[in-house]
Amino acid sequence: MGGILEHRHLGSLPQPRSGRRRGRRLIRRLVQSISRTVRRMAHRISLLADQPELIADVATMRWQEWGHPPEPEDPAWWLDATAREAGRAALPITFVASGDGAALGAVGLGQFDIEERRDLSPWVLGLIVRPDCRGTGVGLALMDHLTHWAAEAAFTAAWAATAGAEGFYSRCGWTATEKVFCASQGQTVTVLRKTLV
């Protein structure tokens, strides 16, 4: 008993209110974690070529994210590009994460992305995750699936260019190699590399 009274006297035990706040925060974090886990488990990843009904969903996501200058503004361009990138065995190829019959995100792999680095190949193309699914692991799962496919296809490395998602790529195990001014986009992008073998 003396030990407990001594600790209370020193103030090392939490007060009832702060203990309740910590408990609520812990419960909130636990619920968020469970929610993220359930969302991760609720999707599947497959070739977009095997789910052609989702091509329009993926094209719409890409157009909403990037369909402004200097990129093309016409939704039909994005639909055509997404359909062209929906290969099956050779580049370009696209994988789609889906759940409840809808596209949650997609990622492609193609020969080239930025004109300034045509000496490097293959490149990540059109990585997109639906806004309400961001932070749930969909993007990480897509990148993991893509890099495993690329390694099995005997690619030794893959490349990506981004003007703002360096942190995401870093979490996926990619390493920044250089900054390049991309004339077609009118901005500097970070070029990243991932070793696949």
C-alpha atoms as a PDB file:
ATOM      1  CA  MET A   1       0.000   0.000   0.000  1.00  0.00           C
ATOM      2  CA  GLY A   2       2.771   2.394   0.847  1.00  0.00           C
ATOM      3  CA  GLY A   3       4.109   2.092  -2.716  1.00  0.00           C
ATOM      4  CA  ILE A   4       0.807   3.092  -4.308  1.00  0.00           C
ATOM      5  CA  LEU A   5       0.358   6.091  -2.039  1.00  0.00           C
ATOM      6  CA  GLU A   6       3.921   7.076  -2.702  1.00  0.00           C
ATOM      7  CA  HIS A   7       3.370   7.010  -6.488  1.00  0.00           C
ATOM      8  CA  ARG A   8       0.203   9.057  -6.218  1.00  0.00           C
ATOM      9  CA  HIS A   9       2.029  11.564  -4.110  1.00  0.00           C
ATOM     10  CA  LEU A  10       4.716  11.880  -6.798  1.00  0.00           C
ATOM     11  CA  GLY A  11       2.061  12.359  -9.466  1.00  0.00           C
ATOM     12  CA  SER A  12       3.257   9.485 -11.660  1.00  0.00           C
ATOM     13  CA  LEU A  13      -0.227   7.944 -11.976  1.00  0.00           C
ATOM     14  CA  PRO A  14      -2.587   9.628 -14.450  1.00  0.00           C
ATOM     15  CA  GLN A  15      -5.487  11.625 -13.143  1.00  0.00           C
ATOM     16  CA  PRO A  16      -8.887  10.126 -13.906  1.00  0.00           C
ATOM     17  CA  ARG A  17      -9.742  12.689 -16.643  1.00  0.00           C
ATOM     18  CA  SER A  18      -6.463  12.393 -18.484  1.00  0.00           C
ATOM     19  CA  GLY A  19      -6.734   8.621 -18.218  1.00  0.00           C
ATOM     20  CA  ARG A  20     -10.157   8.760 -19.871  1.00  0.00           C
ATOM     21  CA  ARG A  21      -8.806  11.006 -22.643  1.00  0.00           C
ATOM     22  CA  ARG A  22      -5.932   8.633 -23.282  1.00  0.00           C
ATOM     23  CA  GLY A  23      -8.377   5.735 -23.280  1.00  0.00           C
ATOM     24  CA  ARG A  24     -10.598   7.474 -25.826  1.00  0.00           C
ATOM     25  CA  ARG A  25      -7.598   8.289 -28.027  1.00  0.00           C
ATOM     26  CA  LEU A  26      -6.426   4.694 -27.815  1.00  0.00           C
ATOM     27  CA  ILE A  27      -9.888   3.407 -28.732  1.00  0.00           C
ATOM     28  CA  ARG A  28     -10.122   5.902 -31.624  1.00  0.00           C
ATOM     29  CA  ARG A  29      -6.717   4.792 -32.954  1.00  0.00           C
ATOM     30  CA  LEU A  30      -7.696   1.147 -32.598  1.00  0.00           C
ATOM     31  CA  VAL A  31     -10.959   1.702 -34.505  1.00  0.00           C
ATOM     32  CA  GLN A  32      -9.084   3.583 -37.250  1.00  0.00           C
ATOM     33  CA  SER A  33      -6.524   0.794 -37.483  1.00  0.00           C
ATOM     34  CA  ILE A  34      -9.214  -1.871 -37.712  1.00  0.00           C
ATOM     35  CA  SER A  35     -11.040   0.195 -40.331  1.00  0.00           C
ATOM     36  CA  ARG A  36      -7.865   0.489 -42.431  1.00  0.00           C
ATOM     37  CA  THR A  37      -7.226  -3.245 -42.120  1.00  0.00           C
ATOM     38  CA  VAL A  38     -10.775  -4.091 -43.196  1.00  0.00           C
ATOM     39  CA  ARG A  39     -10.485  -1.751 -46.209  1.00  0.00           C
ATOM     40  CA  ARG A  40      -7.177  -3.368 -47.192  1.00  0.00           C
ATOM     41  CA  MET A  41      -8.749  -6.794 -47.075  1.00  0.00           C
ATOM     42  CA  ALA A  42     -11.834  -5.645 -48.996  1.00  0.00           C
ATOM     43  CA  HIS A  43     -10.037  -5.136 -52.317  1.00  0.00           C
ATOM     44  CA  ARG A  44      -8.460  -7.371 -54.895  1.00  0.00           C
ATOM     45  CA  ILE A  45      -5.804  -6.559 -57.474  1.00  0.00           C
ATOM     46  CA  SER A  46      -5.980  -7.856 -61.012  1.00  0.00           C
ATOM     47  CA  LEU A  47      -5.049  -6.936 -64.551  1.00  0.00           C
ATOM     48  CA  LEU A  48      -7.196  -4.122 -65.900  1.00  0.00           C
ATOM     49  CA  ALA A  49      -7.357  -6.200 -69.104  1.00  0.00           C
ATOM     50  CA  ASP A  50      -9.282  -8.809 -67.087  1.00  0.00           C
ATOM     51  CA  GLN A  51     -11.768  -6.192 -65.863  1.00  0.00           C
ATOM     52  CA  PRO A  52     -12.481  -4.033 -68.937  1.00  0.00           C
ATOM     53  CA  GLU A  53     -15.658  -2.732 -67.291  1.00  0.00           C
ATOM     54  CA  LEU A  54     -13.371  -0.746 -64.925  1.00  0.00           C
ATOM     55  CA  ILE A  55     -11.404   1.048 -67.679  1.00  0.00           C
ATOM     56  CA  ALA A  56     -13.846   3.988 -67.603  1.00  0.00           C
ATOM     57  CA  ASP A  57     -13.582   4.242 -63.770  1.00  0.00           C
ATOM     58  CA  VAL A  58      -9.771   4.332 -63.919  1.00  0.00           C
ATOM     59  CA  ALA A  59      -9.806   6.840 -66.806  1.00  0.00           C
ATOM     60  CA  THR A  60     -12.195   9.094 -64.877  1.00  0.00           C
ATOM     61  CA  MET A  61      -9.990   9.011 -61.755  1.00  0.00           C
ATOM     62  CA  ARG A  62      -6.927   9.906 -63.836  1.00  0.00           C
ATOM     63  CA  TRP A  63      -8.753  12.679 -65.706  1.00  0.00           C
ATOM     64  CA  GLN A  64     -10.062  14.173 -62.436  1.00  0.00           C
ATOM     65  CA  GLU A  65      -6.550  14.142 -60.960  1.00  0.00           C
ATOM     66  CA  TRP A  66      -4.499  15.227 -63.978  1.00  0.00           C
ATOM     67  CA  GLY A  67      -6.913  16.451 -66.686  1.00  0.00           C
ATOM     68  CA  HIS A  68      -5.716  20.052 -66.703  1.00  0.00           C
ATOM     69  CA  PRO A  69      -2.864  21.828 -68.547  1.00  0.00           C
ATOM     70  CA  PRO A  70      -0.197  20.902 -69.343  1.00  0.00           C
ATOM     71  CA  GLU A  71      -1.884  17.468 -69.473  1.00  0.00           C
ATOM     72  CA  PRO A  72      -4.767  16.813 -71.889  1.00  0.00           C
ATOM     73  CA  GLU A  73      -8.140  18.151 -70.702  1.00  0.00           C
ATOM     74  CA  ASP A  74     -10.386  15.913 -72.827  1.00  0.00           C
ATOM     75  CA  PRO A  75     -11.838  12.952 -70.855  1.00  0.00           C
ATOM     76  CA  ALA A  76     -11.878  10.923 -74.106  1.00  0.00           C
ATOM     77  CA  TRP A  77      -8.061  11.196 -74.279  1.00  0.00           C
ATOM     78  CA  TRP A  78      -7.787   9.689 -70.781  1.00  0.00           C
ATOM     79  CA  LEU A  79     -10.201   6.892 -71.675  1.00  0.00           C
ATOM     80  CA  ASP A  80      -8.218   6.040 -74.819  1.00  0.00           C
ATOM     81  CA  ALA A  81      -4.853   6.178 -72.966  1.00  0.00           C
ATOM     82  CA  THR A  82      -6.153   3.964 -70.143  1.00  0.00           C
ATOM     83  CA  ALA A  83      -7.511   1.411 -72.621  1.00  0.00           C
ATOM     84  CA  ARG A  84      -4.170   1.392 -74.529  1.00  0.00           C
ATOM     85  CA  GLU A  85      -2.263   0.779 -71.286  1.00  0.00           C
ATOM     86  CA  ALA A  86      -4.429  -2.203 -70.294  1.00  0.00           C
ATOM     87  CA  GLY A  87      -2.066  -4.850 -71.656  1.00  0.00           C
ATOM     88  CA  ARG A  88      -1.978  -8.427 -70.549  1.00  0.00           C
ATOM     89  CA  ALA A  89       1.519  -9.889 -70.944  1.00  0.00           C
ATOM     90  CA  ALA A  90       3.689  -7.126 -72.407  1.00  0.00           C
ATOM     91  CA  LEU A  91       4.168  -3.441 -71.650  1.00  0.00           C
ATOM     92  CA  PRO A  92       2.216  -1.305 -71.162  1.00  0.00           C
ATOM     93  CA  ILE A  93       0.286  -3.138 -68.476  1.00  0.00           C
ATOM     94  CA  THR A  94      -2.087  -1.848 -65.794  1.00  0.00           C
ATOM     95  CA  PHE A  95      -3.247  -3.354 -62.526  1.00  0.00           C
ATOM     96  CA  VAL A  96      -6.468  -2.263 -60.845  1.00  0.00           C
ATOM     97  CA  ALA A  97      -7.528  -2.548 -57.217  1.00  0.00           C
ATOM     98  CA  SER A  98     -11.246  -3.130 -57.003  1.00  0.00           C
ATOM     99  CA  GLY A  99     -13.903  -3.660 -54.396  1.00  0.00           C
ATOM    100  CA  ASP A 100     -17.678  -3.882 -54.589  1.00  0.00           C
ATOM    101  CA  GLY A 101     -17.487  -3.741 -58.392  1.00  0.00           C
ATOM    102  CA  ALA A 102     -15.709  -0.369 -58.503  1.00  0.00           C
ATOM    103  CA  ALA A 103     -12.127   0.695 -59.145  1.00  0.00           C
ATOM    104  CA  LEU A 104     -10.338   1.849 -55.995  1.00  0.00           C
ATOM    105  CA  GLY A 105      -7.024   2.597 -57.688  1.00  0.00           C
ATOM    106  CA  ALA A 106      -4.722   1.600 -60.509  1.00  0.00           C
ATOM    107  CA  VAL A 107      -1.079   1.592 -61.551  1.00  0.00           C
ATOM    108  CA  GLY A 108       0.615   0.909 -64.861  1.00  0.00           C
ATOM    109  CA  LEU A 109       4.060  -0.022 -66.099  1.00  0.00           C
ATOM    110  CA  GLY A 110       5.268   1.106 -69.520  1.00  0.00           C
ATOM    111  CA  GLN A 111       8.412   1.516 -71.612  1.00  0.00           C
ATOM    112  CA  PHE A 112       8.752   5.284 -71.096  1.00  0.00           C
ATOM    113  CA  ASP A 113       7.266   8.118 -69.109  1.00  0.00           C
ATOM    114  CA  ILE A 114       9.335  11.283 -69.395  1.00  0.00           C
ATOM    115  CA  GLU A 115      11.018  12.218 -72.655  1.00  0.00           C
ATOM    116  CA  GLU A 116      14.149  13.439 -70.862  1.00  0.00           C
ATOM    117  CA  ARG A 117      15.001   9.927 -69.609  1.00  0.00           C
ATOM    118  CA  ARG A 118      14.217   7.576 -72.490  1.00  0.00           C
ATOM    119  CA  ASP A 119      17.449   5.752 -71.615  1.00  0.00           C
ATOM    120  CA  LEU A 120      15.710   4.182 -68.596  1.00  0.00           C
ATOM    121  CA  SER A 121      12.932   1.604 -68.652  1.00  0.00           C
ATOM    122  CA  PRO A 122      10.334   0.484 -67.528  1.00  0.00           C
ATOM    123  CA  TRP A 123       8.403   3.313 -65.832  1.00  0.00           C
ATOM    124  CA  VAL A 124       5.491   3.455 -63.415  1.00  0.00           C
ATOM    125  CA  LEU A 125       2.528   5.059 -65.200  1.00  0.00           C
ATOM    126  CA  GLY A 126      -0.664   6.636 -63.907  1.00  0.00           C
ATOM    127  CA  LEU A 127      -0.620   5.566 -60.257  1.00  0.00           C
ATOM    128  CA  ILE A 128      -3.946   6.740 -58.888  1.00  0.00           C
ATOM    129  CA  VAL A 129      -6.031   5.930 -55.815  1.00  0.00           C
ATOM    130  CA  ARG A 130      -9.596   7.108 -55.373  1.00  0.00           C
ATOM    131  CA  PRO A 131      -9.568  10.047 -52.903  1.00  0.00           C
ATOM    132  CA  ASP A 132     -11.752   8.279 -50.315  1.00  0.00           C
ATOM    133  CA  CYS A 133      -9.407   5.263 -50.368  1.00  0.00           C
ATOM    134  CA  ARG A 134      -6.141   7.129 -49.865  1.00  0.00           C
ATOM    135  CA  GLY A 135      -4.277   6.208 -46.711  1.00  0.00           C
ATOM    136  CA  THR A 136      -5.920   2.772 -46.579  1.00  0.00           C
ATOM    137  CA  GLY A 137      -3.086   0.760 -48.140  1.00  0.00           C
ATOM    138  CA  VAL A 138      -4.525   0.534 -51.667  1.00  0.00           C
ATOM    139  CA  GLY A 139      -1.586   2.434 -53.208  1.00  0.00           C
ATOM    140  CA  LEU A 140       0.983   0.387 -51.296  1.00  0.00           C
ATOM    141  CA  ALA A 141      -0.709  -2.856 -52.343  1.00  0.00           C
ATOM    142  CA  LEU A 142      -0.783  -1.741 -55.987  1.00  0.00           C
ATOM    143  CA  MET A 143       2.911  -0.835 -55.959  1.00  0.00           C
ATOM    144  CA  ASP A 144       3.809  -4.113 -54.268  1.00  0.00           C
ATOM    145  CA  HIS A 145       1.825  -6.066 -56.860  1.00  0.00           C
ATOM    146  CA  LEU A 146       3.387  -4.108 -59.735  1.00  0.00           C
ATOM    147  CA  THR A 147       6.972  -4.585 -58.539  1.00  0.00           C
ATOM    148  CA  HIS A 148       6.445  -8.323 -57.981  1.00  0.00           C
ATOM    149  CA  TRP A 149       5.028  -8.666 -61.504  1.00  0.00           C
ATOM    150  CA  ALA A 150       7.966  -6.682 -62.941  1.00  0.00           C
ATOM    151  CA  ALA A 151      10.509  -8.850 -61.109  1.00  0.00           C
ATOM    152  CA  GLU A 152       8.811 -12.021 -62.370  1.00  0.00           C
ATOM    153  CA  ALA A 153       8.905 -10.528 -65.886  1.00  0.00           C
ATOM    154  CA  ALA A 154      12.729 -10.340 -65.480  1.00  0.00           C
ATOM    155  CA  PHE A 155      13.063  -6.575 -65.100  1.00  0.00           C
ATOM    156  CA  THR A 156      15.981  -5.751 -62.814  1.00  0.00           C
ATOM    157  CA  ALA A 157      14.827  -2.231 -61.935  1.00  0.00           C
ATOM    158  CA  ALA A 158      11.862   0.073 -62.425  1.00  0.00           C
ATOM    159  CA  TRP A 159      11.640   3.859 -62.579  1.00  0.00           C
ATOM    160  CA  ALA A 160       9.119   6.493 -61.523  1.00  0.00           C
ATOM    161  CA  ALA A 161       8.842  10.252 -61.905  1.00  0.00           C
ATOM    162  CA  THR A 162       6.880  12.407 -59.478  1.00  0.00           C
ATOM    163  CA  ALA A 163       6.441  16.039 -58.564  1.00  0.00           C
ATOM    164  CA  GLY A 164       5.045  15.522 -55.097  1.00  0.00           C
ATOM    165  CA  ALA A 165       4.739  11.868 -54.080  1.00  0.00           C
ATOM    166  CA  GLU A 166       8.372  11.249 -53.108  1.00  0.00           C
ATOM    167  CA  GLY A 167       7.363  10.263 -49.562  1.00  0.00           C
ATOM    168  CA  PHE A 168       4.923   7.644 -50.832  1.00  0.00           C
ATOM    169  CA  TYR A 169       7.525   6.107 -53.150  1.00  0.00           C
ATOM    170  CA  SER A 170      10.082   6.128 -50.348  1.00  0.00           C
ATOM    171  CA  ARG A 171       7.654   4.161 -48.140  1.00  0.00           C
ATOM    172  CA  CYS A 172       7.385   1.658 -51.005  1.00  0.00           C
ATOM    173  CA  GLY A 173      11.168   1.184 -51.061  1.00  0.00           C
ATOM    174  CA  TRP A 174      12.052   3.467 -53.981  1.00  0.00           C
ATOM    175  CA  THR A 175      15.185   5.656 -53.982  1.00  0.00           C
ATOM    176  CA  ALA A 176      15.391   9.145 -55.473  1.00  0.00           C
ATOM    177  CA  THR A 177      18.182   9.323 -58.051  1.00  0.00           C
ATOM    178  CA  GLU A 178      17.901  12.807 -59.556  1.00  0.00           C
ATOM    179  CA  LYS A 179      15.771  15.873 -60.273  1.00  0.00           C
ATOM    180  CA  VAL A 180      14.941  16.504 -63.923  1.00  0.00           C
ATOM    181  CA  PHE A 181      13.152  19.410 -65.578  1.00  0.00           C
ATOM    182  CA  CYS A 182      10.351  17.783 -67.556  1.00  0.00           C
ATOM    183  CA  ALA A 183       9.538  20.082 -70.477  1.00  0.00           C
ATOM    184  CA  SER A 184       6.206  18.401 -71.304  1.00  0.00           C
ATOM    185  CA  GLN A 185       4.963  19.026 -67.761  1.00  0.00           C
ATOM    186  CA  GLY A 186       6.688  22.369 -67.335  1.00  0.00           C
ATOM    187  CA  GLN A 187       8.081  21.383 -63.939  1.00  0.00           C
ATOM    188  CA  THR A 188      10.919  19.627 -62.193  1.00  0.00           C
ATOM    189  CA  VAL A 189      10.246  16.022 -61.219  1.00  0.00           C
ATOM    190  CA  THR A 190      12.065  13.603 -58.970  1.00  0.00           C
ATOM    191  CA  VAL A 191      13.225  10.427 -60.694  1.00  0.00           C
ATOM    192  CA  LEU A 192      13.145   7.341 -58.463  1.00  0.00           C
ATOM    193  CA  ARG A 193      14.445   3.826 -58.901  1.00  0.00           C
ATOM    194  CA  LYS A 194      13.588   0.493 -57.346  1.00  0.00           C
ATOM    195  CA  THR A 195      15.877  -2.505 -57.704  1.00  0.00           C
ATOM    196  CA  LEU A 196      13.764  -5.589 -58.379  1.00  0.00           C
ATOM    197  CA  VAL A 197      16.273  -8.440 -57.952  1.00  0.00           C
END
